[in-house]
Every structure is written in C-alpha cells, then in structure tokens.
Amino acid sequence: TFGYVSASLAGVRPTILLTAFGHKVPDPPCRRAVSMEPCNL
C-alpha cells in the first residue's frame, strides 16, 4: 500500500516488482502497470 499511495499521488503507472509468493523468485520479475489505481487486496 506504501507503493500504491506513492504512485497514485505521483500520477504515474508504476513498474511493479512481483511478490515472491511461496518464497520463489517470480518470473517475470515485474510488470508495468496499465492502471495507476491502487488495488483492493
């Protein structure tokens, strides 16, 4: 949520580092957001 707020205030679509669910390095490592909106988790 720290990142969500920063991007929304900035008015940019951030590049998002994907979370290592299951303690595994994600592949791909990140995604370019197509919406600057925060996520309702």
PDB file of all heavy atoms in Angstrom:
ATOM      1  N   THR A   1       0.824  -1.205   0.000  1.00  0.00           N
ATOM      2  CA  THR A   1       0.000   0.000   0.000  1.00  0.00           C
ATOM      3  C   THR A   1       0.863   1.261   0.000  1.00  0.00           C
ATOM      4  O   THR A   1       0.450   2.298  -0.516  1.00  0.00           O
ATOM      5  CB  THR A   1      -0.938   0.003   1.214  1.00  0.00           C
ATOM      6  OG1 THR A   1      -0.171  -0.145   2.424  1.00  0.00           O
ATOM      7  CG2 THR A   1      -1.936  -1.147   1.126  1.00  0.00           C
ATOM      8  N   PHE A   2       2.055   1.189   0.572  1.00  0.00           N
ATOM      9  CA  PHE A   2       3.011   2.299   0.540  1.00  0.00           C
ATOM     10  C   PHE A   2       3.320   2.667  -0.914  1.00  0.00           C
ATOM     11  O   PHE A   2       3.318   3.845  -1.292  1.00  0.00           O
ATOM     12  CB  PHE A   2       4.294   1.862   1.260  1.00  0.00           C
ATOM     13  CG  PHE A   2       5.194   2.975   1.709  1.00  0.00           C
ATOM     14  CD1 PHE A   2       5.166   3.430   3.020  1.00  0.00           C
ATOM     15  CD2 PHE A   2       6.097   3.556   0.836  1.00  0.00           C
ATOM     16  CE1 PHE A   2       6.022   4.446   3.446  1.00  0.00           C
ATOM     17  CE2 PHE A   2       6.955   4.562   1.243  1.00  0.00           C
ATOM     18  CZ  PHE A   2       6.919   5.011   2.559  1.00  0.00           C
ATOM     19  N   GLY A   3       3.563   1.651  -1.726  1.00  0.00           N
ATOM     20  CA  GLY A   3       3.824   1.887  -3.143  1.00  0.00           C
ATOM     21  C   GLY A   3       2.591   2.368  -3.880  1.00  0.00           C
ATOM     22  O   GLY A   3       2.679   3.239  -4.756  1.00  0.00           O
ATOM     23  N   TYR A   4       1.420   1.808  -3.553  1.00  0.00           N
ATOM     24  CA  TYR A   4       0.179   2.232  -4.204  1.00  0.00           C
ATOM     25  C   TYR A   4      -0.060   3.735  -4.009  1.00  0.00           C
ATOM     26  O   TYR A   4      -0.406   4.456  -4.946  1.00  0.00           O
ATOM     27  CB  TYR A   4      -1.021   1.471  -3.636  1.00  0.00           C
ATOM     28  CG  TYR A   4      -1.079   0.001  -3.948  1.00  0.00           C
ATOM     29  CD1 TYR A   4      -1.838  -0.859  -3.154  1.00  0.00           C
ATOM     30  CD2 TYR A   4      -0.400  -0.545  -5.030  1.00  0.00           C
ATOM     31  CE1 TYR A   4      -1.922  -2.216  -3.422  1.00  0.00           C
ATOM     32  CE2 TYR A   4      -0.475  -1.894  -5.315  1.00  0.00           C
ATOM     33  CZ  TYR A   4      -1.236  -2.728  -4.506  1.00  0.00           C
ATOM     34  OH  TYR A   4      -1.306  -4.078  -4.784  1.00  0.00           O
ATOM     35  N   VAL A   5       0.089   4.193  -2.755  1.00  0.00           N
ATOM     36  CA  VAL A   5      -0.165   5.601  -2.460  1.00  0.00           C
ATOM     37  C   VAL A   5       0.827   6.491  -3.203  1.00  0.00           C
ATOM     38  O   VAL A   5       0.452   7.514  -3.788  1.00  0.00           O
ATOM     39  CB  VAL A   5      -0.088   5.861  -0.940  1.00  0.00           C
ATOM     40  CG1 VAL A   5      -0.178   7.353  -0.643  1.00  0.00           C
ATOM     41  CG2 VAL A   5      -1.205   5.134  -0.210  1.00  0.00           C
ATOM     42  N   SER A   6       2.100   6.104  -3.206  1.00  0.00           N
ATOM     43  CA  SER A   6       3.122   6.912  -3.877  1.00  0.00           C
ATOM     44  C   SER A   6       2.819   7.063  -5.358  1.00  0.00           C
ATOM     45  O   SER A   6       2.913   8.163  -5.923  1.00  0.00           O
ATOM     46  CB  SER A   6       4.495   6.272  -3.685  1.00  0.00           C
ATOM     47  OG  SER A   6       4.825   6.169  -2.315  1.00  0.00           O
ATOM     48  N   ALA A   7       2.459   5.970  -6.019  1.00  0.00           N
ATOM     49  CA  ALA A   7       2.173   6.014  -7.449  1.00  0.00           C
ATOM     50  C   ALA A   7       0.922   6.831  -7.747  1.00  0.00           C
ATOM     51  O   ALA A   7       0.874   7.591  -8.724  1.00  0.00           O
ATOM     52  CB  ALA A   7       2.034   4.601  -8.004  1.00  0.00           C
ATOM     53  N   SER A   8      -0.107   6.683  -6.930  1.00  0.00           N
ATOM     54  CA  SER A   8      -1.347   7.439  -7.157  1.00  0.00           C
ATOM     55  C   SER A   8      -1.117   8.931  -6.980  1.00  0.00           C
ATOM     56  O   SER A   8      -1.602   9.745  -7.768  1.00  0.00           O
ATOM     57  CB  SER A   8      -2.433   6.956  -6.199  1.00  0.00           C
ATOM     58  OG  SER A   8      -2.878   5.667  -6.544  1.00  0.00           O
ATOM     59  N   LEU A   9      -0.378   9.314  -5.935  1.00  0.00           N
ATOM     60  CA  LEU A   9      -0.065  10.726  -5.745  1.00  0.00           C
ATOM     61  C   LEU A   9       0.789  11.245  -6.891  1.00  0.00           C
ATOM     62  O   LEU A   9       0.596  12.373  -7.367  1.00  0.00           O
ATOM     63  CB  LEU A   9       0.672  10.924  -4.421  1.00  0.00           C
ATOM     64  CG  LEU A   9      -0.174  10.888  -3.152  1.00  0.00           C
ATOM     65  CD1 LEU A   9       0.722  10.821  -1.915  1.00  0.00           C
ATOM     66  CD2 LEU A   9      -1.095  12.106  -3.072  1.00  0.00           C
ATOM     67  N   ALA A  10       1.741  10.441  -7.347  1.00  0.00           N
ATOM     68  CA  ALA A  10       2.621  10.865  -8.435  1.00  0.00           C
ATOM     69  C   ALA A  10       1.885  11.001  -9.753  1.00  0.00           C
ATOM     70  O   ALA A  10       2.282  11.786 -10.616  1.00  0.00           O
ATOM     71  CB  ALA A  10       3.773   9.871  -8.595  1.00  0.00           C
ATOM     72  N   GLY A  11       0.813  10.235  -9.924  1.00  0.00           N
ATOM     73  CA  GLY A  11       0.103  10.242 -11.204  1.00  0.00           C
ATOM     74  C   GLY A  11       0.825   9.452 -12.263  1.00  0.00           C
ATOM     75  O   GLY A  11       0.773   9.800 -13.444  1.00  0.00           O
ATOM     76  N   VAL A  12       1.495   8.357 -11.863  1.00  0.00           N
ATOM     77  CA  VAL A  12       2.214   7.525 -12.818  1.00  0.00           C
ATOM     78  C   VAL A  12       1.757   6.074 -12.699  1.00  0.00           C
ATOM     79  O   VAL A  12       1.318   5.640 -11.640  1.00  0.00           O
ATOM     80  CB  VAL A  12       3.746   7.590 -12.608  1.00  0.00           C
ATOM     81  CG1 VAL A  12       4.242   9.011 -12.732  1.00  0.00           C
ATOM     82  CG2 VAL A  12       4.148   7.001 -11.268  1.00  0.00           C
ATOM     83  N   ARG A  13       1.886   5.354 -13.785  1.00  0.00           N
ATOM     84  CA  ARG A  13       1.675   3.908 -13.765  1.00  0.00           C
ATOM     85  C   ARG A  13       3.019   3.264 -13.447  1.00  0.00           C
ATOM     86  O   ARG A  13       3.924   3.282 -14.282  1.00  0.00           O
ATOM     87  CB  ARG A  13       1.143   3.430 -15.112  1.00  0.00           C
ATOM     88  CG  ARG A  13      -0.227   3.997 -15.445  1.00  0.00           C
ATOM     89  CD  ARG A  13      -0.612   3.703 -16.876  1.00  0.00           C
ATOM     90  NE  ARG A  13      -1.915   4.288 -17.205  1.00  0.00           N
ATOM     91  CZ  ARG A  13      -2.401   4.387 -18.434  1.00  0.00           C
ATOM     92  NH1 ARG A  13      -1.671   3.945 -19.452  1.00  0.00           N
ATOM     93  NH2 ARG A  13      -3.589   4.920 -18.651  1.00  0.00           N
ATOM     94  N   PRO A  14       3.177   2.710 -12.268  1.00  0.00           N
ATOM     95  CA  PRO A  14       4.495   2.232 -11.866  1.00  0.00           C
ATOM     96  C   PRO A  14       4.839   0.903 -12.510  1.00  0.00           C
ATOM     97  O   PRO A  14       3.987   0.198 -13.046  1.00  0.00           O
ATOM     98  CB  PRO A  14       4.344   2.062 -10.351  1.00  0.00           C
ATOM     99  CG  PRO A  14       2.896   1.666 -10.200  1.00  0.00           C
ATOM    100  CD  PRO A  14       2.149   2.479 -11.241  1.00  0.00           C
ATOM    101  N   THR A  15       6.117   0.565 -12.455  1.00  0.00           N
ATOM    102  CA  THR A  15       6.545  -0.798 -12.705  1.00  0.00           C
ATOM    103  C   THR A  15       6.497  -1.509 -11.357  1.00  0.00           C
ATOM    104  O   THR A  15       7.040  -1.016 -10.365  1.00  0.00           O
ATOM    105  CB  THR A  15       7.963  -0.846 -13.278  1.00  0.00           C
ATOM    106  OG1 THR A  15       7.950  -0.206 -14.559  1.00  0.00           O
ATOM    107  CG2 THR A  15       8.437  -2.277 -13.434  1.00  0.00           C
ATOM    108  N   ILE A  16       5.846  -2.670 -11.309  1.00  0.00           N
ATOM    109  CA  ILE A  16       5.587  -3.350 -10.043  1.00  0.00           C
ATOM    110  C   ILE A  16       6.454  -4.589  -9.926  1.00  0.00           C
ATOM    111  O   ILE A  16       6.382  -5.497 -10.767  1.00  0.00           O
ATOM    112  CB  ILE A  16       4.099  -3.730  -9.925  1.00  0.00           C
ATOM    113  CG1 ILE A  16       3.207  -2.485 -10.053  1.00  0.00           C
ATOM    114  CG2 ILE A  16       3.834  -4.431  -8.607  1.00  0.00           C
ATOM    115  CD1 ILE A  16       1.720  -2.797 -10.059  1.00  0.00           C
ATOM    116  N   LEU A  17       7.289  -4.632  -8.876  1.00  0.00           N
ATOM    117  CA  LEU A  17       8.050  -5.834  -8.558  1.00  0.00           C
ATOM    118  C   LEU A  17       7.084  -6.885  -8.030  1.00  0.00           C
ATOM    119  O   LEU A  17       6.398  -6.661  -7.027  1.00  0.00           O
ATOM    120  CB  LEU A  17       9.112  -5.531  -7.499  1.00  0.00           C
ATOM    121  CG  LEU A  17      10.313  -4.691  -7.934  1.00  0.00           C
ATOM    122  CD1 LEU A  17      11.053  -4.173  -6.708  1.00  0.00           C
ATOM    123  CD2 LEU A  17      11.243  -5.509  -8.817  1.00  0.00           C
ATOM    124  N   LEU A  18       6.993  -8.021  -8.691  1.00  0.00           N
ATOM    125  CA  LEU A  18       6.045  -9.047  -8.285  1.00  0.00           C
ATOM    126  C   LEU A  18       6.510  -9.727  -6.997  1.00  0.00           C
ATOM    127  O   LEU A  18       7.705  -9.889  -6.752  1.00  0.00           O
ATOM    128  CB  LEU A  18       5.857 -10.068  -9.402  1.00  0.00           C
ATOM    129  CG  LEU A  18       5.298  -9.483 -10.703  1.00  0.00           C
ATOM    130  CD1 LEU A  18       5.142 -10.565 -11.757  1.00  0.00           C
ATOM    131  CD2 LEU A  18       3.965  -8.779 -10.460  1.00  0.00           C
ATOM    132  N   THR A  19       5.535 -10.115  -6.168  1.00  0.00           N
ATOM    133  CA  THR A  19       5.822 -10.699  -4.861  1.00  0.00           C
ATOM    134  C   THR A  19       6.284 -12.142  -5.009  1.00  0.00           C
ATOM    135  O   THR A  19       5.772 -12.902  -5.845  1.00  0.00           O
ATOM    136  CB  THR A  19       4.566 -10.638  -3.980  1.00  0.00           C
ATOM    137  OG1 THR A  19       4.109  -9.278  -3.935  1.00  0.00           O
ATOM    138  CG2 THR A  19       4.861 -11.118  -2.572  1.00  0.00           C
ATOM    139  N   ALA A  20       7.245 -12.520  -4.181  1.00  0.00           N
ATOM    140  CA  ALA A  20       7.801 -13.884  -4.222  1.00  0.00           C
ATOM    141  C   ALA A  20       6.919 -14.827  -3.414  1.00  0.00           C
ATOM    142  O   ALA A  20       7.321 -15.334  -2.351  1.00  0.00           O
ATOM    143  CB  ALA A  20       9.228 -13.878  -3.679  1.00  0.00           C
ATOM    144  N   PHE A  21       5.708 -15.058  -3.899  1.00  0.00           N
ATOM    145  CA  PHE A  21       4.807 -15.990  -3.212  1.00  0.00           C
ATOM    146  C   PHE A  21       5.459 -17.364  -3.157  1.00  0.00           C
ATOM    147  O   PHE A  21       6.050 -17.833  -4.132  1.00  0.00           O
ATOM    148  CB  PHE A  21       3.462 -16.069  -3.930  1.00  0.00           C
ATOM    149  CG  PHE A  21       2.646 -14.803  -3.846  1.00  0.00           C
ATOM    150  CD1 PHE A  21       2.449 -14.007  -4.957  1.00  0.00           C
ATOM    151  CD2 PHE A  21       2.089 -14.407  -2.639  1.00  0.00           C
ATOM    152  CE1 PHE A  21       1.704 -12.846  -4.886  1.00  0.00           C
ATOM    153  CE2 PHE A  21       1.332 -13.246  -2.550  1.00  0.00           C
ATOM    154  CZ  PHE A  21       1.147 -12.467  -3.661  1.00  0.00           C
ATOM    155  N   GLY A  22       5.343 -18.011  -1.994  1.00  0.00           N
ATOM    156  CA  GLY A  22       5.976 -19.310  -1.825  1.00  0.00           C
ATOM    157  C   GLY A  22       7.484 -19.224  -1.751  1.00  0.00           C
ATOM    158  O   GLY A  22       8.175 -20.235  -1.907  1.00  0.00           O
ATOM    159  N   HIS A  23       8.016 -18.008  -1.511  1.00  0.00           N
ATOM    160  CA  HIS A  23       9.466 -17.779  -1.375  1.00  0.00           C
ATOM    161  C   HIS A  23      10.225 -18.158  -2.651  1.00  0.00           C
ATOM    162  O   HIS A  23      11.372 -18.589  -2.589  1.00  0.00           O
ATOM    163  CB  HIS A  23      10.025 -18.548  -0.169  1.00  0.00           C
ATOM    164  CG  HIS A  23       9.258 -18.319   1.096  1.00  0.00           C
ATOM    165  ND1 HIS A  23       9.326 -17.132   1.806  1.00  0.00           N
ATOM    166  CD2 HIS A  23       8.381 -19.109   1.768  1.00  0.00           C
ATOM    167  CE1 HIS A  23       8.527 -17.208   2.864  1.00  0.00           C
ATOM    168  NE2 HIS A  23       7.941 -18.389   2.864  1.00  0.00           N
ATOM    169  N   LYS A  24       9.563 -17.978  -3.796  1.00  0.00           N
ATOM    170  CA  LYS A  24      10.200 -18.259  -5.081  1.00  0.00           C
ATOM    171  C   LYS A  24      10.333 -16.961  -5.866  1.00  0.00           C
ATOM    172  O   LYS A  24       9.387 -16.175  -5.957  1.00  0.00           O
ATOM    173  CB  LYS A  24       9.375 -19.274  -5.884  1.00  0.00           C
ATOM    174  CG  LYS A  24       9.283 -20.650  -5.223  1.00  0.00           C
ATOM    175  CD  LYS A  24       8.435 -21.596  -6.070  1.00  0.00           C
ATOM    176  CE  LYS A  24       8.320 -22.958  -5.411  1.00  0.00           C
ATOM    177  NZ  LYS A  24       7.478 -23.899  -6.212  1.00  0.00           N
ATOM    178  N   VAL A  25      11.508 -16.754  -6.457  1.00  0.00           N
ATOM    179  CA  VAL A  25      11.726 -15.548  -7.253  1.00  0.00           C
ATOM    180  C   VAL A  25      10.756 -15.559  -8.427  1.00  0.00           C
ATOM    181  O   VAL A  25      10.716 -16.523  -9.202  1.00  0.00           O
ATOM    182  CB  VAL A  25      13.176 -15.489  -7.758  1.00  0.00           C
ATOM    183  CG1 VAL A  25      13.386 -14.251  -8.627  1.00  0.00           C
ATOM    184  CG2 VAL A  25      14.151 -15.495  -6.592  1.00  0.00           C
ATOM    185  N   PRO A  26       9.958 -14.528  -8.586  1.00  0.00           N
ATOM    186  CA  PRO A  26       8.936 -14.536  -9.654  1.00  0.00           C
ATOM    187  C   PRO A  26       9.551 -14.397 -11.042  1.00  0.00           C
ATOM    188  O   PRO A  26      10.598 -13.784 -11.224  1.00  0.00           O
ATOM    189  CB  PRO A  26       8.067 -13.321  -9.306  1.00  0.00           C
ATOM    190  CG  PRO A  26       8.943 -12.440  -8.495  1.00  0.00           C
ATOM    191  CD  PRO A  26       9.875 -13.328  -7.746  1.00  0.00           C
ATOM    192  N   ASP A  27       8.883 -14.992 -11.996  1.00  0.00           N
ATOM    193  CA  ASP A  27       9.280 -14.907 -13.397  1.00  0.00           C
ATOM    194  C   ASP A  27       8.010 -14.649 -14.222  1.00  0.00           C
ATOM    195  O   ASP A  27       7.124 -15.503 -14.259  1.00  0.00           O
ATOM    196  CB  ASP A  27       9.957 -16.208 -13.848  1.00  0.00           C
ATOM    197  CG  ASP A  27      10.458 -16.128 -15.290  1.00  0.00           C
ATOM    198  OD1 ASP A  27      10.637 -14.983 -15.775  1.00  0.00           O
ATOM    199  OD2 ASP A  27      10.646 -17.188 -15.904  1.00  0.00           O
ATOM    200  N   PRO A  28       7.869 -13.481 -14.825  1.00  0.00           N
ATOM    201  CA  PRO A  28       8.836 -12.390 -14.929  1.00  0.00           C
ATOM    202  C   PRO A  28       9.035 -11.665 -13.593  1.00  0.00           C
ATOM    203  O   PRO A  28       8.215 -11.808 -12.685  1.00  0.00           O
ATOM    204  CB  PRO A  28       8.197 -11.464 -15.964  1.00  0.00           C
ATOM    205  CG  PRO A  28       6.729 -11.694 -15.794  1.00  0.00           C
ATOM    206  CD  PRO A  28       6.585 -13.149 -15.493  1.00  0.00           C
ATOM    207  N   PRO A  29      10.100 -10.874 -13.478  1.00  0.00           N
ATOM    208  CA  PRO A  29      10.381 -10.216 -12.199  1.00  0.00           C
ATOM    209  C   PRO A  29       9.418  -9.089 -11.873  1.00  0.00           C
ATOM    210  O   PRO A  29       9.248  -8.735 -10.699  1.00  0.00           O
ATOM    211  CB  PRO A  29      11.803  -9.679 -12.384  1.00  0.00           C
ATOM    212  CG  PRO A  29      11.941  -9.495 -13.874  1.00  0.00           C
ATOM    213  CD  PRO A  29      11.153 -10.612 -14.481  1.00  0.00           C
ATOM    214  N   CYS A  30       8.773  -8.518 -12.892  1.00  0.00           N
ATOM    215  CA  CYS A  30       7.907  -7.361 -12.651  1.00  0.00           C
ATOM    216  C   CYS A  30       6.949  -7.180 -13.811  1.00  0.00           C
ATOM    217  O   CYS A  30       7.081  -7.836 -14.862  1.00  0.00           O
ATOM    218  CB  CYS A  30       8.751  -6.092 -12.466  1.00  0.00           C
ATOM    219  SG  CYS A  30       9.799  -5.692 -13.891  1.00  0.00           S
ATOM    220  N   ARG A  31       5.991  -6.288 -13.613  1.00  0.00           N
ATOM    221  CA  ARG A  31       5.049  -5.929 -14.673  1.00  0.00           C
ATOM    222  C   ARG A  31       4.864  -4.417 -14.673  1.00  0.00           C
ATOM    223  O   ARG A  31       4.819  -3.796 -13.609  1.00  0.00           O
ATOM    224  CB  ARG A  31       3.678  -6.593 -14.451  1.00  0.00           C
ATOM    225  CG  ARG A  31       3.676  -8.096 -14.649  1.00  0.00           C
ATOM    226  CD  ARG A  31       2.247  -8.629 -14.724  1.00  0.00           C
ATOM    227  NE  ARG A  31       2.249 -10.076 -14.825  1.00  0.00           N
ATOM    228  CZ  ARG A  31       1.712 -10.903 -13.948  1.00  0.00           C
ATOM    229  NH1 ARG A  31       1.099 -10.417 -12.883  1.00  0.00           N
ATOM    230  NH2 ARG A  31       1.760 -12.208 -14.119  1.00  0.00           N
ATOM    231  N   ARG A  32       4.726  -3.870 -15.840  1.00  0.00           N
ATOM    232  CA  ARG A  32       4.391  -2.454 -15.963  1.00  0.00           C
ATOM    233  C   ARG A  32       2.882  -2.304 -15.765  1.00  0.00           C
ATOM    234  O   ARG A  32       2.085  -2.926 -16.474  1.00  0.00           O
ATOM    235  CB  ARG A  32       4.797  -1.925 -17.334  1.00  0.00           C
ATOM    236  CG  ARG A  32       4.513  -0.467 -17.572  1.00  0.00           C
ATOM    237  CD  ARG A  32       5.513   0.448 -16.925  1.00  0.00           C
ATOM    238  NE  ARG A  32       6.841   0.361 -17.524  1.00  0.00           N
ATOM    239  CZ  ARG A  32       7.802   1.259 -17.329  1.00  0.00           C
ATOM    240  NH1 ARG A  32       7.580   2.298 -16.550  1.00  0.00           N
ATOM    241  NH2 ARG A  32       8.996   1.095 -17.890  1.00  0.00           N
ATOM    242  N   ALA A  33       2.466  -1.517 -14.789  1.00  0.00           N
ATOM    243  CA  ALA A  33       1.038  -1.355 -14.503  1.00  0.00           C
ATOM    244  C   ALA A  33       0.347  -0.678 -15.687  1.00  0.00           C
ATOM    245  O   ALA A  33       0.909   0.220 -16.316  1.00  0.00           O
ATOM    246  CB  ALA A  33       0.843  -0.535 -13.240  1.00  0.00           C
ATOM    247  N   VAL A  34      -0.866  -1.109 -15.967  1.00  0.00           N
ATOM    248  CA  VAL A  34      -1.656  -0.470 -17.023  1.00  0.00           C
ATOM    249  C   VAL A  34      -2.737   0.424 -16.427  1.00  0.00           C
ATOM    250  O   VAL A  34      -3.526   1.020 -17.147  1.00  0.00           O
ATOM    251  CB  VAL A  34      -2.290  -1.522 -17.959  1.00  0.00           C
ATOM    252  CG1 VAL A  34      -1.216  -2.276 -18.714  1.00  0.00           C
ATOM    253  CG2 VAL A  34      -3.182  -2.478 -17.196  1.00  0.00           C
ATOM    254  N   SER A  35      -2.768   0.523 -15.102  1.00  0.00           N
ATOM    255  CA  SER A  35      -3.652   1.450 -14.400  1.00  0.00           C
ATOM    256  C   SER A  35      -2.919   1.933 -13.156  1.00  0.00           C
ATOM    257  O   SER A  35      -2.310   1.146 -12.443  1.00  0.00           O
ATOM    258  CB  SER A  35      -4.958   0.766 -13.999  1.00  0.00           C
ATOM    259  OG  SER A  35      -5.701   1.582 -13.100  1.00  0.00           O
ATOM    260  N   MET A  36      -2.952   3.242 -12.906  1.00  0.00           N
ATOM    261  CA  MET A  36      -2.273   3.789 -11.728  1.00  0.00           C
ATOM    262  C   MET A  36      -3.078   3.595 -10.447  1.00  0.00           C
ATOM    263  O   MET A  36      -2.610   3.933  -9.360  1.00  0.00           O
ATOM    264  CB  MET A  36      -1.998   5.282 -11.923  1.00  0.00           C
ATOM    265  CG  MET A  36      -3.236   6.160 -11.829  1.00  0.00           C
ATOM    266  SD  MET A  36      -2.850   7.923 -11.909  1.00  0.00           S
ATOM    267  CE  MET A  36      -2.403   8.100 -13.619  1.00  0.00           C
ATOM    268  N   GLU A  37      -4.255   3.022 -10.552  1.00  0.00           N
ATOM    269  CA  GLU A  37      -5.114   2.844  -9.383  1.00  0.00           C
ATOM    270  C   GLU A  37      -4.516   1.875  -8.360  1.00  0.00           C
ATOM    271  O   GLU A  37      -3.888   0.878  -8.732  1.00  0.00           O
ATOM    272  CB  GLU A  37      -6.468   2.289  -9.815  1.00  0.00           C
ATOM    273  CG  GLU A  37      -7.500   3.327 -10.141  1.00  0.00           C
ATOM    274  CD  GLU A  37      -8.003   4.036  -8.903  1.00  0.00           C
ATOM    275  OE1 GLU A  37      -8.815   3.466  -8.155  1.00  0.00           O
ATOM    276  OE2 GLU A  37      -7.584   5.173  -8.672  1.00  0.00           O
ATOM    277  N   PRO A  38      -4.728   2.138  -7.069  1.00  0.00           N
ATOM    278  CA  PRO A  38      -4.375   1.143  -6.046  1.00  0.00           C
ATOM    279  C   PRO A  38      -5.246  -0.095  -6.178  1.00  0.00           C
ATOM    280  O   PRO A  38      -6.337  -0.057  -6.762  1.00  0.00           O
ATOM    281  CB  PRO A  38      -4.659   1.874  -4.720  1.00  0.00           C
ATOM    282  CG  PRO A  38      -4.737   3.320  -5.073  1.00  0.00           C
ATOM    283  CD  PRO A  38      -5.239   3.384  -6.477  1.00  0.00           C
ATOM    284  N   CYS A  39      -4.778  -1.179  -5.623  1.00  0.00           N
ATOM    285  CA  CYS A  39      -5.507  -2.450  -5.663  1.00  0.00           C
ATOM    286  C   CYS A  39      -6.280  -2.645  -4.361  1.00  0.00           C
ATOM    287  O   CYS A  39      -5.755  -2.381  -3.278  1.00  0.00           O
ATOM    288  CB  CYS A  39      -4.512  -3.602  -5.848  1.00  0.00           C
ATOM    289  SG  CYS A  39      -5.251  -5.246  -5.911  1.00  0.00           S
ATOM    290  N   ASN A  40      -7.525  -3.076  -4.476  1.00  0.00           N
ATOM    291  CA  ASN A  40      -8.254  -3.556  -3.304  1.00  0.00           C
ATOM    292  C   ASN A  40      -7.845  -5.006  -3.100  1.00  0.00           C
ATOM    293  O   ASN A  40      -8.300  -5.892  -3.821  1.00  0.00           O
ATOM    294  CB  ASN A  40      -9.764  -3.442  -3.511  1.00  0.00           C
ATOM    295  CG  ASN A  40     -10.548  -3.916  -2.285  1.00  0.00           C
ATOM    296  OD1 ASN A  40      -9.969  -4.289  -1.261  1.00  0.00           O
ATOM    297  ND2 ASN A  40     -11.865  -3.896  -2.378  1.00  0.00           N
ATOM    298  N   LEU A  41      -6.965  -5.238  -2.142  1.00  0.00           N
ATOM    299  CA  LEU A  41      -6.360  -6.559  -1.964  1.00  0.00           C
ATOM    300  C   LEU A  41      -7.338  -7.594  -1.425  1.00  0.00           C
ATOM    301  O   LEU A  41      -7.130  -8.793  -1.575  1.00  0.00           O
ATOM    302  CB  LEU A  41      -5.149  -6.445  -1.030  1.00  0.00           C
ATOM    303  CG  LEU A  41      -3.992  -5.597  -1.575  1.00  0.00           C
ATOM    304  CD1 LEU A  41      -2.963  -5.338  -0.492  1.00  0.00           C
ATOM    305  CD2 LEU A  41      -3.353  -6.269  -2.780  1.00  0.00           C
TER     306      LEU A  41
END
